[in-house]
Protein backbone atom coordinates (compact mmCIF):
# COMPACT_ATOMS: atom_id res chain seq x y z
CA MET A 1 -235.64 29.83 -132.92
CA LYS A 2 -232.72 29.07 -130.66
CA GLU A 3 -229.95 26.81 -131.69
CA PRO A 4 -230.52 23.23 -130.47
CA ARG A 5 -226.84 22.88 -129.61
CA ASN A 6 -227.31 24.82 -126.41
CA HIS A 7 -229.58 22.08 -125.12
CA ALA A 8 -226.88 19.52 -125.87
CA LYS A 9 -224.26 21.53 -123.96
CA VAL A 10 -226.55 21.76 -120.96
CA GLY A 11 -227.22 18.05 -121.17
CA TYR A 12 -223.51 17.23 -121.23
CA SER A 13 -222.94 19.52 -118.27
CA MET A 14 -225.64 17.72 -116.32
CA ILE A 15 -223.99 14.38 -117.12
CA VAL A 16 -220.63 15.67 -115.84
CA VAL A 17 -222.20 17.00 -112.64
CA SER A 18 -224.06 13.76 -111.98
CA ALA A 19 -220.89 11.72 -112.62
CA SER A 20 -218.91 13.84 -110.17
CA LEU A 21 -221.61 13.45 -107.54
CA ALA A 22 -221.57 9.69 -108.12
CA VAL A 23 -217.80 9.64 -107.58
CA ILE A 24 -218.20 11.63 -104.36
CA GLY A 25 -220.84 9.16 -103.22
CA LEU A 26 -218.61 6.17 -103.96
CA LEU A 27 -215.76 7.82 -102.10
CA ALA A 28 -218.02 8.41 -99.12
CA LEU A 29 -219.02 4.76 -99.17
CA ALA A 30 -215.39 3.66 -99.37
CA ILE A 31 -214.28 5.62 -96.30
CA GLY A 32 -217.67 5.75 -94.60
CA GLY A 33 -216.72 3.23 -91.93
CA ASP A 34 -213.83 5.39 -90.77
CA VAL A 35 -215.36 8.78 -90.05
CA LEU A 36 -212.05 10.08 -88.74
CA PHE A 37 -210.10 9.05 -91.86
CA ALA A 38 -208.45 12.44 -92.44
CA ASP A 39 -207.82 12.96 -88.73
CA ASN A 40 -206.07 9.59 -88.46
CA MET A 41 -203.92 10.38 -91.50
CA GLN A 42 -202.89 13.71 -89.98
CA ARG A 43 -202.06 12.13 -86.61
CA GLU A 44 -199.88 9.49 -88.29
CA ASN A 45 -198.05 12.13 -90.31
CA THR A 46 -197.50 14.28 -87.22
CA LEU A 47 -196.19 11.29 -85.29
CA HIS A 48 -193.80 10.45 -88.14
CA PHE A 49 -192.55 14.06 -88.28
CA ASN A 50 -191.96 14.16 -84.52
CA GLU A 51 -190.03 10.86 -84.67
CA CYS A 52 -187.90 12.26 -87.47
CA LYS A 53 -187.34 15.46 -85.50
CA GLN A 54 -186.08 13.45 -82.50
CA ASN A 55 -183.59 11.65 -84.78
CA ASP A 56 -182.43 14.89 -86.46
CA PHE A 57 -184.11 13.86 -89.74
CA LYS A 58 -181.38 11.29 -90.46
CA THR A 59 -183.39 8.07 -90.36
CA ASP A 60 -184.96 6.41 -93.39
CA GLY A 61 -188.12 8.07 -94.65
CA CYS A 62 -187.22 11.48 -93.27
CA GLU A 63 -185.65 12.73 -96.50
CA LYS A 64 -188.95 14.25 -97.56
CA TYR A 65 -188.60 16.89 -94.84
CA TRP A 66 -185.09 18.00 -95.83
CA ASP A 67 -186.30 20.71 -98.20
CA ARG A 68 -188.57 22.18 -95.49
CA ILE A 69 -186.06 22.52 -92.65
CA ASN A 70 -182.97 24.69 -92.05
CA ASN A 71 -184.75 27.98 -92.70
CA ASP A 72 -186.17 30.83 -90.67
CA ILE A 73 -189.78 29.86 -91.29
CA SER A 74 -189.53 26.33 -89.86
CA GLY A 75 -187.18 27.28 -87.06
CA ILE A 76 -185.57 23.82 -87.25
CA TYR A 77 -181.85 23.73 -87.91
CA VAL A 78 -179.96 20.44 -88.24
CA ASP A 79 -176.77 19.27 -89.96
CA LEU A 80 -177.72 17.13 -92.94
CA ASP A 81 -175.17 14.87 -94.57
CA LYS A 82 -176.42 14.85 -98.14
């Protein structure tokens, strides 16, 4: 006869899966009214980056981009007064 513990492990796994699906469902309900939630976030971030780029990354809030610029990959070179 098989060990009854295997049934318990499967049962716990099913509980975890159902809990994760419930969390996904609650998240969908929370942002369900705004179907372009991620798109709007990306547009706002792009707009902020372009504003920082126009001001040479020296205005408040643009410090988070300092570690990503002044290299060959980004192609953006500015003088930063650290």
